[in-house]
Amino acid sequence: MAEKQSQPGSRQRIDKWLFFARMVKSRSLAQTFIASNNVRVNGDLVTQPSFLVKPGDRINLALERRDLVLVVKSGGERRGPFEEARLLYDDLTPPPEEQKRLSLYEQAQRAPGTGRPTKKERREIDRLFPDVDGD
């Protein structure tokens, strides 16, 4: 049997490519991921695991905590180590937005009126409900 040689212009199934690029842990997870409308290729939604990708395609992945933007550089032949998988794509994902870091003092401060009611608010609450004890 002749082995398939990956050529620069060759196409590959997207579920295999995601598996080889180590974006998912198994091909069946890749198929489920694709079927759940989390993958776009060149801006078009992909719902079939048999969709073929080629070098130059732009893939948008909607993962749990982040969105990835990848450009396919080549097709994969096997699921290898990270260093090998990293050669299959260019990562164009924008850096995450930096969240404002608060000091410990700022974190400990609360807005007035949040949390436990003040004495004035407790009195207003008591006026809303009749005295059950009769005191």
N, C-alpha and C. Protein backbone atom coordinates (compact mmCIF):
# COMPACT_ATOMS: atom_id res chain seq x y z
N MET A 1 0.83 -1.19 0.00
CA MET A 1 0.00 0.00 0.00
C MET A 1 0.87 1.25 0.00
N ALA A 2 0.47 2.19 -0.75
CA ALA A 2 1.21 3.44 -0.81
C ALA A 2 0.72 4.38 0.29
N GLU A 3 1.65 5.03 0.96
CA GLU A 3 1.28 5.98 2.01
C GLU A 3 0.96 7.32 1.38
N LYS A 4 0.02 8.03 2.02
CA LYS A 4 -0.30 9.37 1.56
C LYS A 4 0.79 10.33 2.02
N GLN A 5 1.28 11.10 1.13
CA GLN A 5 2.27 12.12 1.47
C GLN A 5 1.55 13.46 1.53
N SER A 6 1.78 14.19 2.61
CA SER A 6 1.13 15.50 2.70
C SER A 6 1.89 16.48 1.81
N GLN A 7 1.16 17.10 0.93
CA GLN A 7 1.74 18.05 0.00
C GLN A 7 1.34 19.45 0.45
N PRO A 8 2.09 20.46 0.02
CA PRO A 8 1.79 21.82 0.47
C PRO A 8 0.36 22.26 0.19
N GLY A 9 -0.23 21.85 -0.93
CA GLY A 9 -1.59 22.27 -1.27
C GLY A 9 -2.64 21.26 -0.88
N SER A 10 -2.27 20.24 -0.12
CA SER A 10 -3.22 19.18 0.20
C SER A 10 -4.25 19.64 1.22
N ARG A 11 -5.38 18.96 1.18
CA ARG A 11 -6.47 19.26 2.11
C ARG A 11 -6.56 18.16 3.14
N GLN A 12 -7.14 18.50 4.30
CA GLN A 12 -7.29 17.52 5.37
C GLN A 12 -8.60 17.79 6.10
N ARG A 13 -9.22 16.70 6.58
CA ARG A 13 -10.46 16.84 7.35
C ARG A 13 -10.19 17.71 8.58
N ILE A 14 -11.16 18.56 8.92
CA ILE A 14 -10.94 19.48 10.03
C ILE A 14 -10.89 18.76 11.37
N ASP A 15 -11.63 17.66 11.53
CA ASP A 15 -11.57 16.94 12.80
C ASP A 15 -10.18 16.33 13.01
N LYS A 16 -9.59 15.81 11.94
CA LYS A 16 -8.23 15.28 12.04
C LYS A 16 -7.23 16.40 12.33
N TRP A 17 -7.39 17.52 11.63
CA TRP A 17 -6.46 18.62 11.81
C TRP A 17 -6.50 19.14 13.25
N LEU A 18 -7.70 19.31 13.81
CA LEU A 18 -7.81 19.78 15.19
C LEU A 18 -7.16 18.79 16.16
N PHE A 19 -7.30 17.50 15.87
CA PHE A 19 -6.70 16.47 16.71
C PHE A 19 -5.17 16.51 16.59
N PHE A 20 -4.66 16.59 15.37
CA PHE A 20 -3.22 16.63 15.15
C PHE A 20 -2.60 17.91 15.72
N ALA A 21 -3.34 19.02 15.68
CA ALA A 21 -2.84 20.31 16.18
C ALA A 21 -3.01 20.42 17.69
N ARG A 22 -3.51 19.37 18.33
CA ARG A 22 -3.66 19.29 19.79
C ARG A 22 -4.62 20.33 20.34
N MET A 23 -5.66 20.65 19.58
CA MET A 23 -6.70 21.55 20.07
C MET A 23 -7.75 20.79 20.87
N VAL A 24 -7.89 19.49 20.58
CA VAL A 24 -8.81 18.60 21.30
C VAL A 24 -8.07 17.32 21.64
N LYS A 25 -8.61 16.56 22.60
CA LYS A 25 -7.90 15.37 23.07
C LYS A 25 -8.17 14.12 22.23
N SER A 26 -9.28 14.09 21.48
CA SER A 26 -9.56 12.92 20.65
C SER A 26 -10.34 13.36 19.42
N ARG A 27 -10.38 12.50 18.41
CA ARG A 27 -11.13 12.85 17.20
C ARG A 27 -12.62 12.88 17.47
N SER A 28 -13.09 11.99 18.35
CA SER A 28 -14.53 12.02 18.66
C SER A 28 -14.90 13.32 19.37
N LEU A 29 -14.02 13.82 20.23
CA LEU A 29 -14.27 15.12 20.86
C LEU A 29 -14.21 16.24 19.82
N ALA A 30 -13.34 16.10 18.84
CA ALA A 30 -13.27 17.09 17.76
C ALA A 30 -14.57 17.11 16.97
N GLN A 31 -15.12 15.93 16.69
CA GLN A 31 -16.37 15.85 15.95
C GLN A 31 -17.52 16.48 16.74
N THR A 32 -17.56 16.21 18.04
CA THR A 32 -18.59 16.81 18.89
C THR A 32 -18.42 18.32 18.95
N PHE A 33 -17.19 18.77 19.08
CA PHE A 33 -16.87 20.20 19.14
C PHE A 33 -17.33 20.91 17.87
N ILE A 34 -17.08 20.30 16.73
CA ILE A 34 -17.47 20.88 15.45
C ILE A 34 -18.99 20.90 15.31
N ALA A 35 -19.64 19.81 15.70
CA ALA A 35 -21.10 19.72 15.58
C ALA A 35 -21.81 20.71 16.50
N SER A 36 -21.14 21.18 17.55
CA SER A 36 -21.78 22.12 18.47
C SER A 36 -21.56 23.58 18.06
N ASN A 37 -21.24 23.80 16.80
CA ASN A 37 -21.13 25.15 16.21
C ASN A 37 -20.08 26.02 16.89
N ASN A 38 -18.92 25.46 17.18
CA ASN A 38 -17.84 26.21 17.81
C ASN A 38 -16.69 26.50 16.86
N VAL A 39 -16.83 26.14 15.59
CA VAL A 39 -15.72 26.29 14.64
C VAL A 39 -16.18 27.08 13.42
N ARG A 40 -15.35 28.04 13.03
CA ARG A 40 -15.58 28.78 11.79
C ARG A 40 -14.30 28.73 10.97
N VAL A 41 -14.46 28.53 9.67
CA VAL A 41 -13.32 28.53 8.76
C VAL A 41 -13.55 29.64 7.75
N ASN A 42 -12.62 30.58 7.70
CA ASN A 42 -12.72 31.75 6.82
C ASN A 42 -14.04 32.49 7.02
N GLY A 43 -14.51 32.54 8.27
CA GLY A 43 -15.73 33.26 8.61
C GLY A 43 -17.01 32.46 8.45
N ASP A 44 -16.95 31.28 7.85
CA ASP A 44 -18.15 30.46 7.64
C ASP A 44 -18.24 29.39 8.72
N LEU A 45 -19.44 29.20 9.25
CA LEU A 45 -19.66 28.19 10.28
C LEU A 45 -19.48 26.80 9.70
N VAL A 46 -18.76 25.95 10.42
CA VAL A 46 -18.52 24.57 9.99
C VAL A 46 -19.27 23.65 10.93
N THR A 47 -20.12 22.78 10.37
CA THR A 47 -20.88 21.85 11.21
C THR A 47 -20.57 20.40 10.89
N GLN A 48 -19.79 20.16 9.85
CA GLN A 48 -19.46 18.79 9.46
C GLN A 48 -17.98 18.49 9.74
N PRO A 49 -17.69 17.38 10.44
CA PRO A 49 -16.30 17.02 10.69
C PRO A 49 -15.52 16.69 9.42
N SER A 50 -16.24 16.42 8.34
CA SER A 50 -15.58 16.06 7.08
C SER A 50 -15.16 17.29 6.27
N PHE A 51 -15.41 18.49 6.77
CA PHE A 51 -15.01 19.71 6.07
C PHE A 51 -13.50 19.70 5.87
N LEU A 52 -13.06 20.05 4.68
CA LEU A 52 -11.63 20.01 4.35
C LEU A 52 -10.99 21.38 4.53
N VAL A 53 -9.86 21.40 5.23
CA VAL A 53 -9.09 22.63 5.39
C VAL A 53 -7.80 22.51 4.61
N LYS A 54 -7.29 23.65 4.19
CA LYS A 54 -6.04 23.69 3.41
C LYS A 54 -5.15 24.77 4.00
N PRO A 55 -3.88 24.74 3.70
CA PRO A 55 -2.99 25.80 4.19
C PRO A 55 -3.49 27.17 3.76
N GLY A 56 -3.46 28.11 4.70
CA GLY A 56 -3.95 29.47 4.44
C GLY A 56 -5.33 29.71 4.99
N ASP A 57 -6.07 28.66 5.34
CA ASP A 57 -7.41 28.84 5.92
C ASP A 57 -7.29 29.44 7.31
N ARG A 58 -8.24 30.32 7.63
CA ARG A 58 -8.29 30.95 8.95
C ARG A 58 -9.37 30.25 9.77
N ILE A 59 -9.00 29.70 10.92
CA ILE A 59 -9.93 28.94 11.76
C ILE A 59 -10.17 29.71 13.05
N ASN A 60 -11.45 29.93 13.38
CA ASN A 60 -11.83 30.54 14.65
C ASN A 60 -12.44 29.46 15.52
N LEU A 61 -11.88 29.27 16.72
CA LEU A 61 -12.38 28.26 17.66
C LEU A 61 -12.93 28.97 18.89
N ALA A 62 -14.15 28.62 19.28
CA ALA A 62 -14.75 29.17 20.49
C ALA A 62 -14.59 28.15 21.61
N LEU A 63 -13.53 28.29 22.39
CA LEU A 63 -13.28 27.39 23.50
C LEU A 63 -13.98 27.92 24.75
N GLU A 64 -13.91 27.16 25.84
CA GLU A 64 -14.61 27.55 27.06
C GLU A 64 -14.22 28.93 27.56
N ARG A 65 -12.96 29.18 27.74
CA ARG A 65 -12.52 30.41 28.37
C ARG A 65 -11.86 31.40 27.42
N ARG A 66 -11.74 31.03 26.15
CA ARG A 66 -11.06 31.92 25.22
C ARG A 66 -11.47 31.59 23.79
N ASP A 67 -11.22 32.52 22.91
CA ASP A 67 -11.45 32.33 21.48
C ASP A 67 -10.10 32.35 20.79
N LEU A 68 -9.86 31.32 19.97
CA LEU A 68 -8.59 31.21 19.26
C LEU A 68 -8.78 31.57 17.80
N VAL A 69 -7.79 32.23 17.23
CA VAL A 69 -7.75 32.52 15.80
C VAL A 69 -6.47 31.89 15.28
N LEU A 70 -6.62 30.90 14.39
CA LEU A 70 -5.47 30.16 13.87
C LEU A 70 -5.46 30.22 12.35
N VAL A 71 -4.28 30.19 11.77
CA VAL A 71 -4.12 30.08 10.33
C VAL A 71 -3.39 28.77 10.06
N VAL A 72 -3.98 27.93 9.21
CA VAL A 72 -3.41 26.63 8.90
C VAL A 72 -2.15 26.82 8.07
N LYS A 73 -1.04 26.24 8.54
CA LYS A 73 0.22 26.28 7.79
C LYS A 73 0.40 25.01 6.97
N SER A 74 -0.01 23.86 7.55
CA SER A 74 0.11 22.60 6.83
C SER A 74 -0.81 21.57 7.48
N GLY A 75 -1.00 20.46 6.78
CA GLY A 75 -1.77 19.35 7.33
C GLY A 75 -0.89 18.49 8.21
N GLY A 76 -1.50 17.76 9.11
CA GLY A 76 -0.73 16.91 10.00
C GLY A 76 -0.73 15.47 9.53
N GLU A 77 0.25 14.72 10.00
CA GLU A 77 0.33 13.30 9.68
C GLU A 77 0.08 12.44 10.90
N ARG A 78 0.35 13.00 12.09
CA ARG A 78 0.12 12.27 13.32
C ARG A 78 -0.04 13.27 14.46
N ARG A 79 -0.53 12.76 15.60
CA ARG A 79 -0.64 13.60 16.79
C ARG A 79 0.68 13.48 17.55
N GLY A 80 1.52 14.44 17.36
CA GLY A 80 2.84 14.40 17.98
C GLY A 80 2.91 15.31 19.19
N PRO A 81 4.11 15.58 19.65
CA PRO A 81 4.28 16.48 20.80
C PRO A 81 3.91 17.92 20.42
N PHE A 82 3.81 18.76 21.44
CA PHE A 82 3.38 20.14 21.23
C PHE A 82 4.27 20.86 20.22
N GLU A 83 5.57 20.65 20.31
CA GLU A 83 6.49 21.35 19.40
C GLU A 83 6.19 21.00 17.95
N GLU A 84 5.83 19.76 17.70
CA GLU A 84 5.49 19.32 16.34
C GLU A 84 4.12 19.86 15.92
N ALA A 85 3.17 19.84 16.84
CA ALA A 85 1.83 20.33 16.54
C ALA A 85 1.84 21.83 16.30
N ARG A 86 2.70 22.55 16.98
CA ARG A 86 2.78 24.01 16.85
C ARG A 86 3.19 24.44 15.45
N LEU A 87 3.83 23.55 14.70
CA LEU A 87 4.26 23.85 13.33
C LEU A 87 3.10 23.80 12.34
N LEU A 88 1.94 23.30 12.76
CA LEU A 88 0.80 23.17 11.85
C LEU A 88 0.00 24.46 11.69
N TYR A 89 0.21 25.44 12.57
CA TYR A 89 -0.61 26.64 12.53
C TYR A 89 0.15 27.86 13.02
N ASP A 90 -0.37 29.04 12.65
CA ASP A 90 0.07 30.32 13.21
C ASP A 90 -1.04 30.80 14.12
N ASP A 91 -0.70 31.20 15.32
CA ASP A 91 -1.69 31.68 16.28
C ASP A 91 -1.82 33.19 16.16
N LEU A 92 -2.99 33.66 15.72
CA LEU A 92 -3.26 35.09 15.58
C LEU A 92 -4.19 35.60 16.66
N THR A 93 -4.36 34.83 17.73
CA THR A 93 -5.27 35.19 18.80
C THR A 93 -4.80 36.48 19.46
N PRO A 94 -5.70 37.47 19.59
CA PRO A 94 -5.29 38.70 20.27
C PRO A 94 -5.02 38.42 21.74
N PRO A 95 -4.12 39.18 22.35
CA PRO A 95 -3.82 38.95 23.77
C PRO A 95 -5.06 39.21 24.63
N PRO A 96 -5.21 38.49 25.74
CA PRO A 96 -6.38 38.71 26.58
C PRO A 96 -6.37 40.12 27.17
N GLU A 97 -7.57 40.63 27.40
CA GLU A 97 -7.67 41.97 27.97
C GLU A 97 -7.14 41.94 29.40
N GLU A 98 -6.33 42.93 29.70
CA GLU A 98 -5.78 42.97 31.05
C GLU A 98 -6.85 43.50 31.99
N GLN A 99 -7.10 42.72 33.03
CA GLN A 99 -8.09 43.13 34.01
C GLN A 99 -7.41 44.05 35.02
N LYS A 100 -8.19 44.97 35.53
CA LYS A 100 -7.66 45.90 36.50
C LYS A 100 -7.32 45.12 37.77
N ARG A 101 -6.10 45.22 38.18
CA ARG A 101 -5.67 44.53 39.39
C ARG A 101 -5.85 45.47 40.58
N LEU A 102 -6.59 44.99 41.57
CA LEU A 102 -6.84 45.78 42.76
C LEU A 102 -5.89 45.36 43.87
N SER A 103 -5.51 46.33 44.69
CA SER A 103 -4.68 46.00 45.84
C SER A 103 -5.55 45.28 46.87
N LEU A 104 -4.92 44.67 47.85
CA LEU A 104 -5.67 43.98 48.90
C LEU A 104 -6.59 44.95 49.63
N TYR A 105 -6.14 46.17 49.85
CA TYR A 105 -6.97 47.17 50.52
C TYR A 105 -8.22 47.47 49.70
N GLU A 106 -8.03 47.67 48.38
CA GLU A 106 -9.18 47.98 47.52
C GLU A 106 -10.15 46.80 47.44
N GLN A 107 -9.63 45.58 47.47
CA GLN A 107 -10.50 44.41 47.43
C GLN A 107 -11.34 44.31 48.70
N ALA A 108 -10.78 44.72 49.84
CA ALA A 108 -11.47 44.59 51.11
C ALA A 108 -12.56 45.64 51.28
N GLN A 109 -12.50 46.74 50.56
CA GLN A 109 -13.49 47.80 50.69
C GLN A 109 -14.78 47.42 49.99
N ARG A 110 -15.90 47.73 50.63
CA ARG A 110 -17.20 47.49 50.02
C ARG A 110 -17.94 48.81 49.86
N ALA A 111 -18.83 48.84 48.93
CA ALA A 111 -19.64 50.03 48.73
C ALA A 111 -20.58 50.17 49.93
N PRO A 112 -20.85 51.40 50.37
CA PRO A 112 -21.75 51.58 51.51
C PRO A 112 -23.13 51.00 51.20
N GLY A 113 -23.69 50.33 52.17
CA GLY A 113 -25.03 49.77 52.01
C GLY A 113 -25.05 48.36 51.48
N THR A 114 -23.91 47.81 51.11
CA THR A 114 -23.90 46.43 50.65
C THR A 114 -23.59 45.53 51.83
N GLY A 115 -24.02 44.33 51.75
CA GLY A 115 -23.77 43.40 52.84
C GLY A 115 -24.83 43.53 53.92
N ARG A 116 -24.43 43.57 55.15
CA ARG A 116 -25.34 43.63 56.29
C ARG A 116 -26.07 44.97 56.31
N PRO A 117 -27.39 44.95 56.61
CA PRO A 117 -28.14 46.22 56.66
C PRO A 117 -27.64 47.12 57.79
N THR A 118 -27.72 48.42 57.56
CA THR A 118 -27.36 49.38 58.60
C THR A 118 -28.49 49.44 59.63
N LYS A 119 -28.24 50.13 60.74
CA LYS A 119 -29.25 50.24 61.80
C LYS A 119 -30.50 50.93 61.27
N LYS A 120 -30.32 51.95 60.45
CA LYS A 120 -31.46 52.66 59.88
C LYS A 120 -32.27 51.72 58.99
N GLU A 121 -31.60 50.93 58.16
CA GLU A 121 -32.30 49.99 57.28
C GLU A 121 -33.02 48.92 58.08
N ARG A 122 -32.42 48.45 59.19
CA ARG A 122 -33.09 47.46 60.04
C ARG A 122 -34.36 48.02 60.63
N ARG A 123 -34.34 49.28 61.06
CA ARG A 123 -35.55 49.91 61.61
C ARG A 123 -36.64 50.02 60.55
N GLU A 124 -36.25 50.37 59.33
CA GLU A 124 -37.23 50.46 58.24
C GLU A 124 -37.83 49.09 57.93
N ILE A 125 -37.02 48.06 58.00
CA ILE A 125 -37.52 46.69 57.77
C ILE A 125 -38.48 46.31 58.89
N ASP A 126 -38.14 46.67 60.15
CA ASP A 126 -39.02 46.35 61.28
C ASP A 126 -40.37 47.04 61.14
N ARG A 127 -40.41 48.25 60.57
CA ARG A 127 -41.68 48.96 60.38
C ARG A 127 -42.56 48.27 59.34
N LEU A 128 -41.96 47.58 58.41
CA LEU A 128 -42.73 46.89 57.36
C LEU A 128 -43.48 45.69 57.91
N PHE A 129 -42.91 45.02 58.90
CA PHE A 129 -43.52 43.81 59.44
C PHE A 129 -44.04 44.09 60.84
N PRO A 130 -45.28 43.68 61.10
CA PRO A 130 -45.80 43.88 62.46
C PRO A 130 -45.03 43.04 63.46
N ASP A 131 -45.01 43.50 64.69
CA ASP A 131 -44.28 42.81 65.75
C ASP A 131 -44.97 41.49 66.06
N VAL A 132 -44.31 40.40 65.80
CA VAL A 132 -44.87 39.07 66.00
C VAL A 132 -44.85 38.70 67.47
N ASP A 133 -43.84 39.09 68.21
CA ASP A 133 -43.68 38.73 69.62
C ASP A 133 -44.64 39.50 70.52
N GLY A 134 -45.09 40.64 70.11
CA GLY A 134 -45.96 41.45 70.93
C GLY A 134 -45.19 42.31 71.90
N ASP A 135 -43.89 42.45 71.72
CA ASP A 135 -43.06 43.26 72.63
C ASP A 135 -43.22 44.73 72.37
